[in-house]
Amino acid sequence: MSEPMTWIALFGLAGITVLTRGFFMIGDQPLPIPDWLRELLKVAPLAALVAVVAPEVFMTQGHVITTWQDARWPAALAATAYYFWRHGILGTILVGMAVMLSLRLGLGW
């Protein structure tokens, strides 16, 4: 890619970003949103998080994990158990990472 094309791409992406993020601030009045859409938008961050995390836990190199000797499964289970016990995000991350690191470094999974 040539240098002028790189600059065109950068400015184009910046313009699209400003336009899409500023679109909601253009109008004077709030847009009417149906109740069902408002309810769906409440769970959108959770859906996005699951869409990012689930393939990391259940797949490797584009294929479903078929062995039980993968450190991600026990780490995800331990982190989930901790979250339901204490409801803390930082602790959930720390427990999951501790289990994963101990299985990878200790058992070589």
N, C-alpha and C. Protein backbone atom coordinates (compact mmCIF):
# COMPACT_ATOMS: atom_id res chain seq x y z
N MET A 1 0.85 -1.17 0.00
CA MET A 1 0.00 0.00 0.00
C MET A 1 0.90 1.23 0.00
N SER A 2 0.62 2.15 -0.90
CA SER A 2 1.44 3.35 -1.00
C SER A 2 1.11 4.32 0.14
N GLU A 3 2.00 5.28 0.32
CA GLU A 3 1.82 6.24 1.42
C GLU A 3 0.56 7.10 1.25
N PRO A 4 0.26 7.61 0.05
CA PRO A 4 -0.99 8.37 -0.09
C PRO A 4 -2.23 7.53 0.22
N MET A 5 -2.23 6.27 -0.18
CA MET A 5 -3.37 5.39 0.11
C MET A 5 -3.50 5.15 1.61
N THR A 6 -2.37 5.06 2.30
CA THR A 6 -2.41 4.89 3.76
C THR A 6 -3.05 6.11 4.42
N TRP A 7 -2.66 7.31 3.97
CA TRP A 7 -3.25 8.53 4.54
C TRP A 7 -4.73 8.64 4.22
N ILE A 8 -5.11 8.27 3.00
CA ILE A 8 -6.53 8.29 2.64
C ILE A 8 -7.32 7.33 3.52
N ALA A 9 -6.76 6.15 3.75
CA ALA A 9 -7.43 5.17 4.61
C ALA A 9 -7.56 5.68 6.03
N LEU A 10 -6.49 6.29 6.55
CA LEU A 10 -6.53 6.82 7.93
C LEU A 10 -7.56 7.92 8.07
N PHE A 11 -7.57 8.88 7.15
CA PHE A 11 -8.55 9.96 7.22
C PHE A 11 -9.97 9.45 7.00
N GLY A 12 -10.12 8.49 6.10
CA GLY A 12 -11.44 7.90 5.88
C GLY A 12 -11.96 7.20 7.12
N LEU A 13 -11.11 6.41 7.78
CA LEU A 13 -11.52 5.74 9.01
C LEU A 13 -11.82 6.74 10.13
N ALA A 14 -11.03 7.80 10.22
CA ALA A 14 -11.29 8.82 11.23
C ALA A 14 -12.62 9.51 10.96
N GLY A 15 -12.90 9.82 9.70
CA GLY A 15 -14.17 10.46 9.36
C GLY A 15 -15.36 9.58 9.66
N ILE A 16 -15.26 8.30 9.32
CA ILE A 16 -16.35 7.36 9.61
C ILE A 16 -16.56 7.24 11.12
N THR A 17 -15.47 7.21 11.87
CA THR A 17 -15.59 7.10 13.32
C THR A 17 -16.28 8.32 13.91
N VAL A 18 -15.88 9.52 13.49
CA VAL A 18 -16.52 10.74 13.99
C VAL A 18 -17.99 10.78 13.60
N LEU A 19 -18.30 10.40 12.38
CA LEU A 19 -19.67 10.43 11.92
C LEU A 19 -20.55 9.44 12.71
N THR A 20 -20.08 8.22 12.88
CA THR A 20 -20.91 7.23 13.57
C THR A 20 -21.04 7.52 15.05
N ARG A 21 -20.00 8.03 15.67
CA ARG A 21 -20.09 8.33 17.10
C ARG A 21 -20.83 9.63 17.37
N GLY A 22 -20.76 10.56 16.45
CA GLY A 22 -21.44 11.83 16.63
C GLY A 22 -22.87 11.83 16.12
N PHE A 23 -23.27 10.77 15.44
CA PHE A 23 -24.61 10.68 14.88
C PHE A 23 -25.68 10.82 15.95
N PHE A 24 -25.42 10.31 17.13
CA PHE A 24 -26.42 10.34 18.19
C PHE A 24 -26.53 11.72 18.85
N MET A 25 -25.58 12.61 18.58
CA MET A 25 -25.62 13.93 19.17
C MET A 25 -26.15 14.98 18.21
N ILE A 26 -26.52 14.58 17.00
CA ILE A 26 -26.98 15.54 15.99
C ILE A 26 -28.36 16.08 16.32
N GLY A 27 -29.29 15.25 16.69
CA GLY A 27 -30.66 15.68 16.93
C GLY A 27 -30.83 16.42 18.25
N ASP A 28 -31.87 17.26 18.30
CA ASP A 28 -32.17 18.00 19.52
C ASP A 28 -32.97 17.15 20.51
N GLN A 29 -33.76 16.25 19.99
CA GLN A 29 -34.61 15.42 20.84
C GLN A 29 -34.11 13.98 20.80
N PRO A 30 -34.29 13.26 21.89
CA PRO A 30 -33.88 11.86 21.89
C PRO A 30 -34.73 11.04 20.91
N LEU A 31 -34.09 10.07 20.29
CA LEU A 31 -34.82 9.22 19.37
C LEU A 31 -35.74 8.28 20.14
N PRO A 32 -36.96 8.10 19.69
CA PRO A 32 -37.84 7.17 20.39
C PRO A 32 -37.38 5.73 20.13
N ILE A 33 -37.17 5.02 21.20
CA ILE A 33 -36.73 3.63 21.11
C ILE A 33 -37.82 2.75 21.70
N PRO A 34 -38.24 1.72 20.98
CA PRO A 34 -39.25 0.82 21.53
C PRO A 34 -38.72 0.11 22.78
N ASP A 35 -39.62 -0.27 23.65
CA ASP A 35 -39.23 -0.91 24.90
C ASP A 35 -38.46 -2.21 24.66
N TRP A 36 -38.88 -2.99 23.65
CA TRP A 36 -38.20 -4.26 23.40
C TRP A 36 -36.76 -4.04 22.96
N LEU A 37 -36.51 -2.98 22.20
CA LEU A 37 -35.15 -2.67 21.77
C LEU A 37 -34.31 -2.18 22.95
N ARG A 38 -34.92 -1.40 23.83
CA ARG A 38 -34.22 -0.91 25.02
C ARG A 38 -33.79 -2.10 25.89
N GLU A 39 -34.65 -3.10 26.01
CA GLU A 39 -34.31 -4.30 26.80
C GLU A 39 -33.18 -5.08 26.14
N LEU A 40 -33.20 -5.19 24.81
CA LEU A 40 -32.13 -5.88 24.11
C LEU A 40 -30.80 -5.16 24.24
N LEU A 41 -30.83 -3.83 24.23
CA LEU A 41 -29.59 -3.07 24.35
C LEU A 41 -28.96 -3.19 25.73
N LYS A 42 -29.75 -3.56 26.73
CA LYS A 42 -29.20 -3.77 28.07
C LYS A 42 -28.27 -4.97 28.12
N VAL A 43 -28.55 -6.00 27.32
CA VAL A 43 -27.73 -7.21 27.36
C VAL A 43 -26.69 -7.24 26.24
N ALA A 44 -26.60 -6.20 25.43
CA ALA A 44 -25.64 -6.16 24.33
C ALA A 44 -24.19 -6.27 24.81
N PRO A 45 -23.77 -5.58 25.89
CA PRO A 45 -22.38 -5.75 26.33
C PRO A 45 -22.06 -7.18 26.77
N LEU A 46 -23.00 -7.83 27.43
CA LEU A 46 -22.79 -9.22 27.83
C LEU A 46 -22.68 -10.12 26.60
N ALA A 47 -23.53 -9.89 25.61
CA ALA A 47 -23.47 -10.69 24.39
C ALA A 47 -22.14 -10.49 23.67
N ALA A 48 -21.65 -9.28 23.64
CA ALA A 48 -20.36 -9.01 22.99
C ALA A 48 -19.22 -9.68 23.75
N LEU A 49 -19.27 -9.66 25.07
CA LEU A 49 -18.24 -10.30 25.88
C LEU A 49 -18.24 -11.81 25.66
N VAL A 50 -19.42 -12.41 25.64
CA VAL A 50 -19.52 -13.86 25.39
C VAL A 50 -19.00 -14.19 24.00
N ALA A 51 -19.30 -13.35 23.02
CA ALA A 51 -18.83 -13.60 21.65
C ALA A 51 -17.31 -13.54 21.55
N VAL A 52 -16.66 -12.81 22.43
CA VAL A 52 -15.21 -12.73 22.41
C VAL A 52 -14.58 -13.85 23.25
N VAL A 53 -15.15 -14.13 24.41
CA VAL A 53 -14.55 -15.08 25.34
C VAL A 53 -14.83 -16.54 24.97
N ALA A 54 -16.03 -16.86 24.53
CA ALA A 54 -16.41 -18.25 24.27
C ALA A 54 -15.49 -18.93 23.24
N PRO A 55 -15.18 -18.33 22.11
CA PRO A 55 -14.25 -19.01 21.20
C PRO A 55 -12.88 -19.24 21.81
N GLU A 56 -12.42 -18.33 22.68
CA GLU A 56 -11.13 -18.52 23.32
C GLU A 56 -11.14 -19.70 24.28
N VAL A 57 -12.27 -19.95 24.91
CA VAL A 57 -12.35 -21.04 25.89
C VAL A 57 -12.60 -22.38 25.20
N PHE A 58 -13.43 -22.39 24.19
CA PHE A 58 -13.87 -23.66 23.61
C PHE A 58 -13.16 -24.05 22.32
N MET A 59 -12.36 -23.16 21.75
CA MET A 59 -11.71 -23.47 20.47
C MET A 59 -10.22 -23.14 20.50
N THR A 60 -9.47 -23.87 19.67
CA THR A 60 -8.07 -23.56 19.45
C THR A 60 -7.75 -23.78 17.98
N GLN A 61 -7.11 -22.82 17.35
CA GLN A 61 -6.77 -22.88 15.93
C GLN A 61 -7.99 -23.13 15.05
N GLY A 62 -9.16 -22.63 15.46
CA GLY A 62 -10.37 -22.76 14.67
C GLY A 62 -11.11 -24.08 14.83
N HIS A 63 -10.65 -24.93 15.75
CA HIS A 63 -11.29 -26.23 15.98
C HIS A 63 -11.69 -26.34 17.44
N VAL A 64 -12.78 -27.06 17.68
CA VAL A 64 -13.26 -27.26 19.05
C VAL A 64 -12.26 -28.11 19.82
N ILE A 65 -12.02 -27.75 21.07
CA ILE A 65 -11.08 -28.49 21.91
C ILE A 65 -11.69 -29.86 22.21
N THR A 66 -10.94 -30.92 21.96
CA THR A 66 -11.45 -32.27 22.17
C THR A 66 -10.79 -32.97 23.35
N THR A 67 -9.77 -32.40 23.91
CA THR A 67 -9.11 -33.03 25.05
C THR A 67 -9.47 -32.33 26.34
N TRP A 68 -9.49 -33.08 27.42
CA TRP A 68 -9.79 -32.48 28.72
C TRP A 68 -8.54 -31.87 29.34
N GLN A 69 -7.38 -32.13 28.75
CA GLN A 69 -6.12 -31.60 29.29
C GLN A 69 -5.79 -30.25 28.66
N ASP A 70 -6.71 -29.35 28.76
CA ASP A 70 -6.51 -27.98 28.32
C ASP A 70 -6.78 -27.08 29.52
N ALA A 71 -5.85 -26.21 29.82
CA ALA A 71 -5.93 -25.40 31.04
C ALA A 71 -7.08 -24.40 31.02
N ARG A 72 -7.62 -24.11 29.86
CA ARG A 72 -8.68 -23.11 29.76
C ARG A 72 -9.99 -23.59 30.39
N TRP A 73 -10.31 -24.87 30.23
CA TRP A 73 -11.58 -25.39 30.78
C TRP A 73 -11.62 -25.28 32.30
N PRO A 74 -10.64 -25.84 33.03
CA PRO A 74 -10.69 -25.71 34.50
C PRO A 74 -10.58 -24.25 34.96
N ALA A 75 -9.83 -23.44 34.24
CA ALA A 75 -9.70 -22.03 34.61
C ALA A 75 -11.04 -21.32 34.46
N ALA A 76 -11.75 -21.60 33.38
CA ALA A 76 -13.06 -20.98 33.18
C ALA A 76 -14.06 -21.45 34.23
N LEU A 77 -14.02 -22.73 34.57
CA LEU A 77 -14.92 -23.26 35.60
C LEU A 77 -14.62 -22.66 36.98
N ALA A 78 -13.32 -22.55 37.32
CA ALA A 78 -12.95 -21.97 38.60
C ALA A 78 -13.32 -20.49 38.67
N ALA A 79 -13.10 -19.77 37.60
CA ALA A 79 -13.45 -18.35 37.56
C ALA A 79 -14.96 -18.16 37.67
N THR A 80 -15.73 -19.01 36.99
CA THR A 80 -17.19 -18.92 37.07
C THR A 80 -17.67 -19.22 38.48
N ALA A 81 -17.10 -20.25 39.09
CA ALA A 81 -17.48 -20.60 40.47
C ALA A 81 -17.17 -19.46 41.42
N TYR A 82 -16.00 -18.84 41.26
CA TYR A 82 -15.65 -17.71 42.12
C TYR A 82 -16.61 -16.55 41.93
N TYR A 83 -16.97 -16.28 40.67
CA TYR A 83 -17.88 -15.16 40.43
C TYR A 83 -19.23 -15.40 41.10
N PHE A 84 -19.77 -16.60 41.00
CA PHE A 84 -21.06 -16.88 41.63
C PHE A 84 -20.95 -16.89 43.16
N TRP A 85 -19.73 -17.13 43.68
CA TRP A 85 -19.55 -17.13 45.14
C TRP A 85 -19.39 -15.71 45.67
N ARG A 86 -18.56 -14.88 45.01
CA ARG A 86 -18.23 -13.57 45.55
C ARG A 86 -18.73 -12.37 44.73
N HIS A 87 -19.09 -12.57 43.49
CA HIS A 87 -19.58 -11.52 42.59
C HIS A 87 -18.56 -10.40 42.39
N GLY A 88 -17.29 -10.76 42.31
CA GLY A 88 -16.25 -9.77 42.08
C GLY A 88 -15.52 -10.03 40.77
N ILE A 89 -15.39 -9.02 39.95
CA ILE A 89 -14.76 -9.18 38.65
C ILE A 89 -13.25 -9.39 38.77
N LEU A 90 -12.59 -8.59 39.60
CA LEU A 90 -11.14 -8.71 39.74
C LEU A 90 -10.77 -10.08 40.28
N GLY A 91 -11.47 -10.55 41.29
CA GLY A 91 -11.21 -11.87 41.84
C GLY A 91 -11.45 -12.97 40.82
N THR A 92 -12.48 -12.80 40.00
CA THR A 92 -12.77 -13.77 38.95
C THR A 92 -11.60 -13.89 37.99
N ILE A 93 -11.08 -12.74 37.57
CA ILE A 93 -9.94 -12.75 36.65
C ILE A 93 -8.71 -13.37 37.31
N LEU A 94 -8.46 -13.00 38.56
CA LEU A 94 -7.28 -13.52 39.25
C LEU A 94 -7.37 -15.03 39.47
N VAL A 95 -8.54 -15.53 39.86
CA VAL A 95 -8.71 -16.98 40.08
C VAL A 95 -8.53 -17.73 38.76
N GLY A 96 -9.16 -17.25 37.70
CA GLY A 96 -9.02 -17.90 36.41
C GLY A 96 -7.59 -17.93 35.93
N MET A 97 -6.88 -16.82 36.06
CA MET A 97 -5.49 -16.77 35.63
C MET A 97 -4.59 -17.63 36.51
N ALA A 98 -4.87 -17.67 37.83
CA ALA A 98 -4.06 -18.50 38.73
C ALA A 98 -4.22 -19.97 38.39
N VAL A 99 -5.45 -20.42 38.14
CA VAL A 99 -5.67 -21.82 37.79
C VAL A 99 -5.02 -22.13 36.45
N MET A 100 -5.18 -21.25 35.50
CA MET A 100 -4.61 -21.48 34.17
C MET A 100 -3.09 -21.53 34.21
N LEU A 101 -2.47 -20.59 34.90
CA LEU A 101 -1.01 -20.57 34.99
C LEU A 101 -0.48 -21.76 35.75
N SER A 102 -1.15 -22.14 36.83
CA SER A 102 -0.67 -23.29 37.59
C SER A 102 -0.78 -24.59 36.78
N LEU A 103 -1.83 -24.74 36.00
CA LEU A 103 -1.95 -25.94 35.17
C LEU A 103 -0.96 -25.92 34.01
N ARG A 104 -0.73 -24.76 33.43
CA ARG A 104 0.22 -24.70 32.31
C ARG A 104 1.67 -24.86 32.77
N LEU A 105 2.00 -24.16 33.86
CA LEU A 105 3.39 -24.26 34.33
C LEU A 105 3.63 -25.52 35.16
N GLY A 106 2.65 -25.90 35.96
CA GLY A 106 2.84 -27.06 36.83
C GLY A 106 2.69 -28.38 36.13
N LEU A 107 1.65 -28.54 35.32
CA LEU A 107 1.40 -29.82 34.65
C LEU A 107 1.77 -29.82 33.17
N GLY A 108 2.08 -28.66 32.65
CA GLY A 108 2.48 -28.59 31.25
C GLY A 108 1.33 -28.66 30.27
N TRP A 109 0.13 -28.36 30.71
CA TRP A 109 -1.02 -28.40 29.81
C TRP A 109 -0.89 -27.24 28.91
